[in-house]
Amino acid sequence: MHATGKPIVGDAPSTLADAYHGYCQTVARWAWYLGGPDVEVEDAVQEIFFVVSRRMASFRGEARFSSWLYSITRKIVANHRRRHRWRFWRDKNPGLLDRVPSPGLDPCAQLEQQQARLQFYRVLDRLPEKYRTVLVLFELEDMSTQEIAELCHIKLNTVKVQLHRAREMFHDQHRQLLSKEQS
């Protein structure tokens, strides 16, 4: 039972600690994939679980707990991305070169890897949110279209159409970005 006297439905954890321990890594992964390299994952996860702590008693169990948690994550990460874009334009300092390269690769490979990652997120950033979300969940989270439909509360055929369009948009945007960089 929740503190409110409501029964716990489905997969919902009974306490915030249980929710945190059960879903922290998943939420961090979602935040990283949805937010890209510019989102401070630790800050986003902390804010997400702060919202969960405030709203956990109101979770009605009409959907899976993970779906409810994903919707909170998506909103918080979108807010973080908006704030980052504002800071970027305000400060004219994207901070992209401040990243420490990963150990084990030679400097040339590190630079190529970093440039490829930045290019990937630049292209991903250009996609509308609904297409970005479906693409991230399918390609990076390895979710099935059925799982995405349940998580996002949309029809299975809609997921398939959005995924198809997202891939086309991604490839078009990538080609455009490459042609701009080469000219």
C-alpha atoms as a PDB file:
ATOM      1  CA  MET A   1       0.000   0.000   0.000  1.00  0.00           C
ATOM      2  CA  HIS A   2       1.092   3.560  -0.715  1.00  0.00           C
ATOM      3  CA  ALA A   3       1.108   6.007   2.166  1.00  0.00           C
ATOM      4  CA  THR A   4      -2.140   7.303   0.680  1.00  0.00           C
ATOM      5  CA  GLY A   5      -3.803   3.953   1.279  1.00  0.00           C
ATOM      6  CA  LYS A   6      -3.930   3.108  -2.447  1.00  0.00           C
ATOM      7  CA  PRO A   7      -2.813  -0.386  -3.421  1.00  0.00           C
ATOM      8  CA  ILE A   8       0.410  -0.687  -5.399  1.00  0.00           C
ATOM      9  CA  VAL A   9      -0.470  -1.731  -8.905  1.00  0.00           C
ATOM     10  CA  GLY A  10       1.648  -3.801 -11.287  1.00  0.00           C
ATOM     11  CA  ASP A  11       5.368  -3.205 -11.294  1.00  0.00           C
ATOM     12  CA  ALA A  12       5.330  -0.043  -9.153  1.00  0.00           C
ATOM     13  CA  PRO A  13       7.929  -0.015  -6.387  1.00  0.00           C
ATOM     14  CA  SER A  14       6.570   0.689  -2.929  1.00  0.00           C
ATOM     15  CA  THR A  15       9.160   3.309  -1.900  1.00  0.00           C
ATOM     16  CA  LEU A  16      11.291   5.977  -3.518  1.00  0.00           C
ATOM     17  CA  ALA A  17      14.399   4.010  -2.527  1.00  0.00           C
ATOM     18  CA  ASP A  18      13.060   0.942  -4.341  1.00  0.00           C
ATOM     19  CA  ALA A  19      12.265   3.068  -7.394  1.00  0.00           C
ATOM     20  CA  TYR A  20      15.737   4.605  -7.353  1.00  0.00           C
ATOM     21  CA  HIS A  21      17.564   1.295  -6.931  1.00  0.00           C
ATOM     22  CA  GLY A  22      15.415  -0.437  -9.512  1.00  0.00           C
ATOM     23  CA  TYR A  23      15.431   2.244 -12.193  1.00  0.00           C
ATOM     24  CA  CYS A  24      18.391   4.593 -11.651  1.00  0.00           C
ATOM     25  CA  GLN A  25      20.608   3.046 -14.329  1.00  0.00           C
ATOM     26  CA  THR A  26      17.746   2.883 -16.810  1.00  0.00           C
ATOM     27  CA  VAL A  27      16.790   6.515 -16.186  1.00  0.00           C
ATOM     28  CA  ALA A  28      20.434   7.581 -16.580  1.00  0.00           C
ATOM     29  CA  ARG A  29      20.663   5.712 -19.883  1.00  0.00           C
ATOM     30  CA  TRP A  30      17.410   7.280 -21.111  1.00  0.00           C
ATOM     31  CA  ALA A  31      18.676  10.733 -20.092  1.00  0.00           C
ATOM     32  CA  TRP A  32      21.968  10.188 -21.929  1.00  0.00           C
ATOM     33  CA  TYR A  33      20.324   8.919 -25.095  1.00  0.00           C
ATOM     34  CA  LEU A  34      17.562  11.522 -25.174  1.00  0.00           C
ATOM     35  CA  GLY A  35      19.755  14.408 -24.089  1.00  0.00           C
ATOM     36  CA  GLY A  36      23.003  13.720 -25.847  1.00  0.00           C
ATOM     37  CA  PRO A  37      26.439  14.684 -24.613  1.00  0.00           C
ATOM     38  CA  ASP A  38      25.413  18.175 -23.507  1.00  0.00           C
ATOM     39  CA  VAL A  39      22.964  17.062 -20.832  1.00  0.00           C
ATOM     40  CA  GLU A  40      24.387  16.625 -17.361  1.00  0.00           C
ATOM     41  CA  VAL A  41      23.070  13.113 -16.739  1.00  0.00           C
ATOM     42  CA  GLU A  42      23.623  13.180 -12.974  1.00  0.00           C
ATOM     43  CA  ASP A  43      21.700  16.444 -12.629  1.00  0.00           C
ATOM     44  CA  ALA A  44      18.886  15.145 -14.814  1.00  0.00           C
ATOM     45  CA  VAL A  45      18.618  11.881 -12.842  1.00  0.00           C
ATOM     46  CA  GLN A  46      18.557  13.793  -9.576  1.00  0.00           C
ATOM     47  CA  GLU A  47      15.799  16.076 -10.861  1.00  0.00           C
ATOM     48  CA  ILE A  48      13.830  13.127 -12.252  1.00  0.00           C
ATOM     49  CA  PHE A  49      13.843  11.294  -8.937  1.00  0.00           C
ATOM     50  CA  PHE A  50      12.969  14.510  -7.132  1.00  0.00           C
ATOM     51  CA  VAL A  51       9.845  14.708  -9.309  1.00  0.00           C
ATOM     52  CA  VAL A  52       9.192  11.011  -8.685  1.00  0.00           C
ATOM     53  CA  SER A  53       9.430  11.575  -4.918  1.00  0.00           C
ATOM     54  CA  ARG A  54       6.795  14.318  -5.150  1.00  0.00           C
ATOM     55  CA  ARG A  55       4.471  12.431  -7.477  1.00  0.00           C
ATOM     56  CA  MET A  56       4.924   8.789  -6.495  1.00  0.00           C
ATOM     57  CA  ALA A  57       1.841   8.768  -4.295  1.00  0.00           C
ATOM     58  CA  SER A  58      -0.230   9.981  -7.246  1.00  0.00           C
ATOM     59  CA  PHE A  59       0.894   7.125  -9.515  1.00  0.00           C
ATOM     60  CA  ARG A  60      -2.396   5.412 -10.353  1.00  0.00           C
ATOM     61  CA  GLY A  61      -1.063   2.257 -11.950  1.00  0.00           C
ATOM     62  CA  GLU A  62      -3.028   2.749 -15.167  1.00  0.00           C
ATOM     63  CA  ALA A  63       0.215   2.241 -17.044  1.00  0.00           C
ATOM     64  CA  ARG A  64       3.437   0.459 -16.203  1.00  0.00           C
ATOM     65  CA  PHE A  65       5.647   2.265 -13.723  1.00  0.00           C
ATOM     66  CA  SER A  66       8.463   2.334 -16.295  1.00  0.00           C
ATOM     67  CA  SER A  67       6.155   4.119 -18.772  1.00  0.00           C
ATOM     68  CA  TRP A  68       5.266   6.719 -16.174  1.00  0.00           C
ATOM     69  CA  LEU A  69       8.945   7.133 -15.266  1.00  0.00           C
ATOM     70  CA  TYR A  70       9.924   7.429 -18.927  1.00  0.00           C
ATOM     71  CA  SER A  71       7.432  10.242 -19.482  1.00  0.00           C
ATOM     72  CA  ILE A  72       8.924  12.151 -16.540  1.00  0.00           C
ATOM     73  CA  THR A  73      12.446  11.507 -17.880  1.00  0.00           C
ATOM     74  CA  ARG A  74      11.513  12.715 -21.359  1.00  0.00           C
ATOM     75  CA  LYS A  75      10.068  15.974 -20.024  1.00  0.00           C
ATOM     76  CA  ILE A  76      12.976  16.696 -17.684  1.00  0.00           C
ATOM     77  CA  VAL A  77      15.566  15.972 -20.392  1.00  0.00           C
ATOM     78  CA  ALA A  78      13.697  18.180 -22.870  1.00  0.00           C
ATOM     79  CA  ASN A  79      13.852  20.998 -20.316  1.00  0.00           C
ATOM     80  CA  HIS A  80      17.582  20.410 -19.800  1.00  0.00           C
ATOM     81  CA  ARG A  81      18.150  20.500 -23.558  1.00  0.00           C
ATOM     82  CA  ARG A  82      16.227  23.781 -23.860  1.00  0.00           C
ATOM     83  CA  ARG A  83      18.262  25.317 -21.040  1.00  0.00           C
ATOM     84  CA  HIS A  84      21.486  24.144 -22.643  1.00  0.00           C
ATOM     85  CA  ARG A  85      20.553  25.660 -26.017  1.00  0.00           C
ATOM     86  CA  TRP A  86      19.760  28.944 -24.310  1.00  0.00           C
ATOM     87  CA  ARG A  87      23.107  28.944 -22.503  1.00  0.00           C
ATOM     88  CA  PHE A  88      24.892  28.079 -25.736  1.00  0.00           C
ATOM     89  CA  TRP A  89      23.438  31.043 -27.552  1.00  0.00           C
ATOM     90  CA  ARG A  90      23.767  33.346 -24.563  1.00  0.00           C
ATOM     91  CA  ASP A  91      27.383  32.462 -23.825  1.00  0.00           C
ATOM     92  CA  LYS A  92      28.432  31.509 -27.365  1.00  0.00           C
ATOM     93  CA  ASN A  93      30.379  28.699 -25.760  1.00  0.00           C
ATOM     94  CA  PRO A  94      29.164  25.206 -26.616  1.00  0.00           C
ATOM     95  CA  GLY A  95      31.708  23.563 -24.313  1.00  0.00           C
ATOM     96  CA  LEU A  96      32.106  20.664 -26.718  1.00  0.00           C
ATOM     97  CA  LEU A  97      35.883  20.685 -26.702  1.00  0.00           C
ATOM     98  CA  ASP A  98      36.046  20.532 -22.909  1.00  0.00           C
ATOM     99  CA  ARG A  99      35.313  16.804 -22.960  1.00  0.00           C
ATOM    100  CA  VAL A 100      38.134  14.590 -21.758  1.00  0.00           C
ATOM    101  CA  PRO A 101      38.965  11.956 -24.367  1.00  0.00           C
ATOM    102  CA  SER A 102      38.549   8.327 -23.400  1.00  0.00           C
ATOM    103  CA  PRO A 103      41.752   6.474 -22.444  1.00  0.00           C
ATOM    104  CA  GLY A 104      43.109   3.693 -24.608  1.00  0.00           C
ATOM    105  CA  LEU A 105      42.758   5.278 -28.038  1.00  0.00           C
ATOM    106  CA  ASP A 106      45.406   7.248 -29.841  1.00  0.00           C
ATOM    107  CA  PRO A 107      44.718  10.992 -30.137  1.00  0.00           C
ATOM    108  CA  CYS A 108      43.668  10.742 -33.786  1.00  0.00           C
ATOM    109  CA  ALA A 109      41.156   7.969 -33.072  1.00  0.00           C
ATOM    110  CA  GLN A 110      39.870   9.878 -30.039  1.00  0.00           C
ATOM    111  CA  LEU A 111      39.307  12.972 -32.152  1.00  0.00           C
ATOM    112  CA  GLU A 112      37.551  10.998 -34.887  1.00  0.00           C
ATOM    113  CA  GLN A 113      35.355   9.265 -32.301  1.00  0.00           C
ATOM    114  CA  GLN A 114      34.495  12.575 -30.644  1.00  0.00           C
ATOM    115  CA  GLN A 115      33.708  14.214 -33.988  1.00  0.00           C
ATOM    116  CA  ALA A 116      31.510  11.287 -35.041  1.00  0.00           C
ATOM    117  CA  ARG A 117      29.634  11.419 -31.721  1.00  0.00           C
ATOM    118  CA  LEU A 118      29.126  15.182 -32.009  1.00  0.00           C
ATOM    119  CA  GLN A 119      27.978  14.831 -35.602  1.00  0.00           C
ATOM    120  CA  PHE A 120      25.535  12.080 -34.586  1.00  0.00           C
ATOM    121  CA  TYR A 121      24.006  14.279 -31.889  1.00  0.00           C
ATOM    122  CA  ARG A 122      23.902  17.314 -34.176  1.00  0.00           C
ATOM    123  CA  VAL A 123      21.847  15.292 -36.628  1.00  0.00           C
ATOM    124  CA  LEU A 124      19.705  13.799 -33.864  1.00  0.00           C
ATOM    125  CA  ASP A 125      19.066  17.303 -32.461  1.00  0.00           C
ATOM    126  CA  ARG A 126      17.558  18.371 -35.766  1.00  0.00           C
ATOM    127  CA  LEU A 127      14.821  15.734 -35.609  1.00  0.00           C
ATOM    128  CA  PRO A 128      11.401  16.610 -34.210  1.00  0.00           C
ATOM    129  CA  GLU A 129      10.981  15.288 -30.661  1.00  0.00           C
ATOM    130  CA  LYS A 130       8.557  12.465 -31.493  1.00  0.00           C
ATOM    131  CA  TYR A 131      10.860  11.065 -34.181  1.00  0.00           C
ATOM    132  CA  ARG A 132      13.954  11.502 -32.034  1.00  0.00           C
ATOM    133  CA  THR A 133      12.293   9.633 -29.167  1.00  0.00           C
ATOM    134  CA  VAL A 134      11.226   6.657 -31.276  1.00  0.00           C
ATOM    135  CA  LEU A 135      14.630   6.439 -32.975  1.00  0.00           C
ATOM    136  CA  VAL A 136      16.516   6.598 -29.672  1.00  0.00           C
ATOM    137  CA  LEU A 137      14.343   3.952 -28.045  1.00  0.00           C
ATOM    138  CA  PHE A 138      14.553   1.580 -31.001  1.00  0.00           C
ATOM    139  CA  GLU A 139      18.166   2.028 -32.107  1.00  0.00           C
ATOM    140  CA  LEU A 140      19.957   2.881 -28.872  1.00  0.00           C
ATOM    141  CA  GLU A 141      17.746   1.251 -26.244  1.00  0.00           C
ATOM    142  CA  ASP A 142      17.062  -1.845 -28.380  1.00  0.00           C
ATOM    143  CA  MET A 143      13.363  -1.694 -27.588  1.00  0.00           C
ATOM    144  CA  SER A 144      10.844  -3.429 -29.811  1.00  0.00           C
ATOM    145  CA  THR A 145       8.204  -1.397 -31.565  1.00  0.00           C
ATOM    146  CA  GLN A 146       5.611  -2.984 -29.258  1.00  0.00           C
ATOM    147  CA  GLU A 147       7.563  -1.850 -26.167  1.00  0.00           C
ATOM    148  CA  ILE A 148       7.866   1.668 -27.590  1.00  0.00           C
ATOM    149  CA  ALA A 149       4.142   1.785 -28.289  1.00  0.00           C
ATOM    150  CA  GLU A 150       3.393   0.810 -24.691  1.00  0.00           C
ATOM    151  CA  LEU A 151       5.992   3.168 -23.235  1.00  0.00           C
ATOM    152  CA  CYS A 152       4.902   6.185 -25.272  1.00  0.00           C
ATOM    153  CA  HIS A 153       1.186   5.373 -25.244  1.00  0.00           C
ATOM    154  CA  ILE A 154       0.851   5.357 -29.020  1.00  0.00           C
ATOM    155  CA  LYS A 155      -0.404   2.761 -31.498  1.00  0.00           C
ATOM    156  CA  LEU A 156       1.994   0.128 -32.800  1.00  0.00           C
ATOM    157  CA  ASN A 157       1.492   1.180 -36.434  1.00  0.00           C
ATOM    158  CA  THR A 158       2.178   4.792 -35.458  1.00  0.00           C
ATOM    159  CA  VAL A 159       5.491   3.713 -33.931  1.00  0.00           C
ATOM    160  CA  LYS A 160       6.433   1.888 -37.115  1.00  0.00           C
ATOM    161  CA  VAL A 161       5.575   4.893 -39.301  1.00  0.00           C
ATOM    162  CA  GLN A 162       7.434   7.297 -36.991  1.00  0.00           C
ATOM    163  CA  LEU A 163      10.469   5.006 -36.915  1.00  0.00           C
ATOM    164  CA  HIS A 164      10.520   4.808 -40.707  1.00  0.00           C
ATOM    165  CA  ARG A 165      10.215   8.595 -41.008  1.00  0.00           C
ATOM    166  CA  ALA A 166      12.797   9.163 -38.279  1.00  0.00           C
ATOM    167  CA  ARG A 167      15.350   7.023 -40.126  1.00  0.00           C
ATOM    168  CA  GLU A 168      14.685   8.856 -43.386  1.00  0.00           C
ATOM    169  CA  MET A 169      14.965  12.249 -41.677  1.00  0.00           C
ATOM    170  CA  PHE A 170      18.134  11.191 -39.885  1.00  0.00           C
ATOM    171  CA  HIS A 171      19.792  10.064 -43.119  1.00  0.00           C
ATOM    172  CA  ASP A 172      18.647  13.213 -44.977  1.00  0.00           C
ATOM    173  CA  GLN A 173      19.925  15.478 -42.193  1.00  0.00           C
ATOM    174  CA  HIS A 174      23.200  13.543 -42.059  1.00  0.00           C
ATOM    175  CA  ARG A 175      23.725  13.930 -45.813  1.00  0.00           C
ATOM    176  CA  GLN A 176      22.976  17.661 -45.562  1.00  0.00           C
ATOM    177  CA  LEU A 177      25.412  18.071 -42.689  1.00  0.00           C
ATOM    178  CA  LEU A 178      28.148  16.203 -44.568  1.00  0.00           C
ATOM    179  CA  SER A 179      27.637  18.282 -47.716  1.00  0.00           C
ATOM    180  CA  LYS A 180      27.838  21.532 -45.660  1.00  0.00           C
ATOM    181  CA  GLU A 181      31.035  20.362 -43.964  1.00  0.00           C
ATOM    182  CA  GLN A 182      32.650  19.393 -47.268  1.00  0.00           C
ATOM    183  CA  SER A 183      31.877  22.693 -48.979  1.00  0.00           C
END
